[in-house]
Amino acid sequence: MPPLTPDERAAILEAVRDFAQTELAPHALEWDEQKHFPREALGLAGELGLGGIYVRADVGGSAMSRSDTVAIVEELAKADPSIAAYITIHNMVAWMIDSYGSEQQRHAWLPQLAAMTGFGSYCLTEPGAGSDAAAITTSAIRVSDEHGGDHYLLTGVKQFISGGGEAAVYVVMARTGEGGAHGITAFLVPGDAQGLSFGQNEKKMGWNAQPTRQVILDEVRVPASAMLGVLGQGFKIAMSALDGGRINVAACSLGGAQWALDRAVQYVHERHTFGQALAEKQSVVFTLADMATELRAARALVRDAARAIDEKAADVALQCAMAKRFATDAGFRVANEALQLHGGYGYLHEYGIEKVVRDLRVHQILEGTNEIMRVIIGRELLGAAR
C-alpha cells in the first residue's frame, strides 16, 4: 500500500476534516452526555471509506498506508476522540480479517465492515487477564456433530470490549491448547450467535459515546471454518494487531490534544486578568510553548512508527510502543494544561475541554498500558545489547 501523493493526501484529509467538523464535532458534547452511540454518523464515515482504511480494495477497503491513516485519525479526533478511537478499533478488526482471514472470511465480513453497515469488536482482555494477555482462560473446545462436522464451543468472559452489543462480528481470542501464548487461537464470532450475551454498558470516566460491555460466551458454537488464521496463532495475531492499534490511539491523543491546545491559544488572547491578557504573561507563554513542543515531538514518533509498519521494519514493536507511550502521555498532559489555562471555565462541560481530558485519559491504559510499553521498550533495548 504505497503512500498517497501529496495532492491525494491533501484532498482526502480535507474531506475527512469536513466530515469530522460537520458530522461529529457539533454533536460530540451531546453524545458524551447522553452516552449515545452514533450509528448513522459511523455509516457516513463508512461511505467516506473510513471503515476499512488500510483494508485491501477488493473487499471495499481504502487500501491506504499506515502513514496516511494516522493523519486521518488525528483529524477525526480533533472533532471527537471517543468516536475516532472506536473507528480505529473497528479498523483494527477489519485489518485482522483482511490479513489473516481466508478468502471466504474476507468476502463474508469485510464489505460490511468497510462500509460500516456492520461493526467489529476486538475481544482479548478478560476480567482476570488484562496486561497479561497470555493468561486468558476463555476456552474453545473442539467437538464433532452427528454428521462429522467440526465445531468449537467457546466459553468465557471478555472485559472492556468497545462496541460490545453493537458489533456484527467479534474477533475472540480463546484457549485451544497449553497455557501461555502458544495455546491461544482466534475465532470470528457473529454478533447474533446463540449463547452470546453482553453485560451492561459500563459507566466510564470518558469515551461515553461508544459502548463498553462484557462479552459473555456460554458454549457459543462456531464452525471450525470460523477460526482466524491457524490453530495456536491467536496470540501472534492479537499482538500484531496491537502494533497498529497503538499508533492509532496515539494519533487519537494527538488530535484531541491539538484541539485543546488550539482552544487554549484562543482563550488566553481573549481572557484578561489584572488588566493584562493571559497571552502576555510569560508563564502562560512558556506553558503553551511546552505544550506545542511535546505535541510536535509526539507526532514525529507516531509518524515514524507508522512508517515502520508500512516498511515492515525489524523494530516495529519497539517504535509503536515508544510512540504510544510518549504520545498518549503527552496528549493527556497537554489537554490537562489546556483545562488549567481555562481556569474554572475549563471545568465546565459546555467548553468541551473537560470532555477531551476524560477521553484522553484512557489512552494511557488501553492497547497495552504505558507501563507495559516501558516493559516492551526496555526488553528490546536489553535484548539488543546482548
Foldseek 3Di string as FASTA:
>chain_A
DDADDPVVLVVLLVVLLVLLVPPFQVCQLVLFVVLAACLVSVLVCLVSQLLAACADPVLPHVNHFLLSVLSSLLSNLLRPLLVSLQSLQQNLQLVLCRPFNDPVSNNVPNNCSSSSVFGEKEFQAAPVDDQNSLQDAFAWEWDADPVRFIKTFTFGKGFFIWCVPRGQWYFHWHACDDGGQQRIWTFIDGSPFPQWDWADFDDALASSNIGTIMIGHDRGIDGPSRTGHDGRCVSVSLLVSLLSSLLSSLSSLLNLLVSLLVVLVVQQQVDDDPRGRNVPDPVSVVLSVVLVVLSVVLVVLSSVLSVCVVVVPPCNLLSSLVSNLSSLVSSLVSLVVSLVSVPPVSVDSVVPSSNSNSSSVCSCPPSRHNVVSVVVNVVVVVVVVD
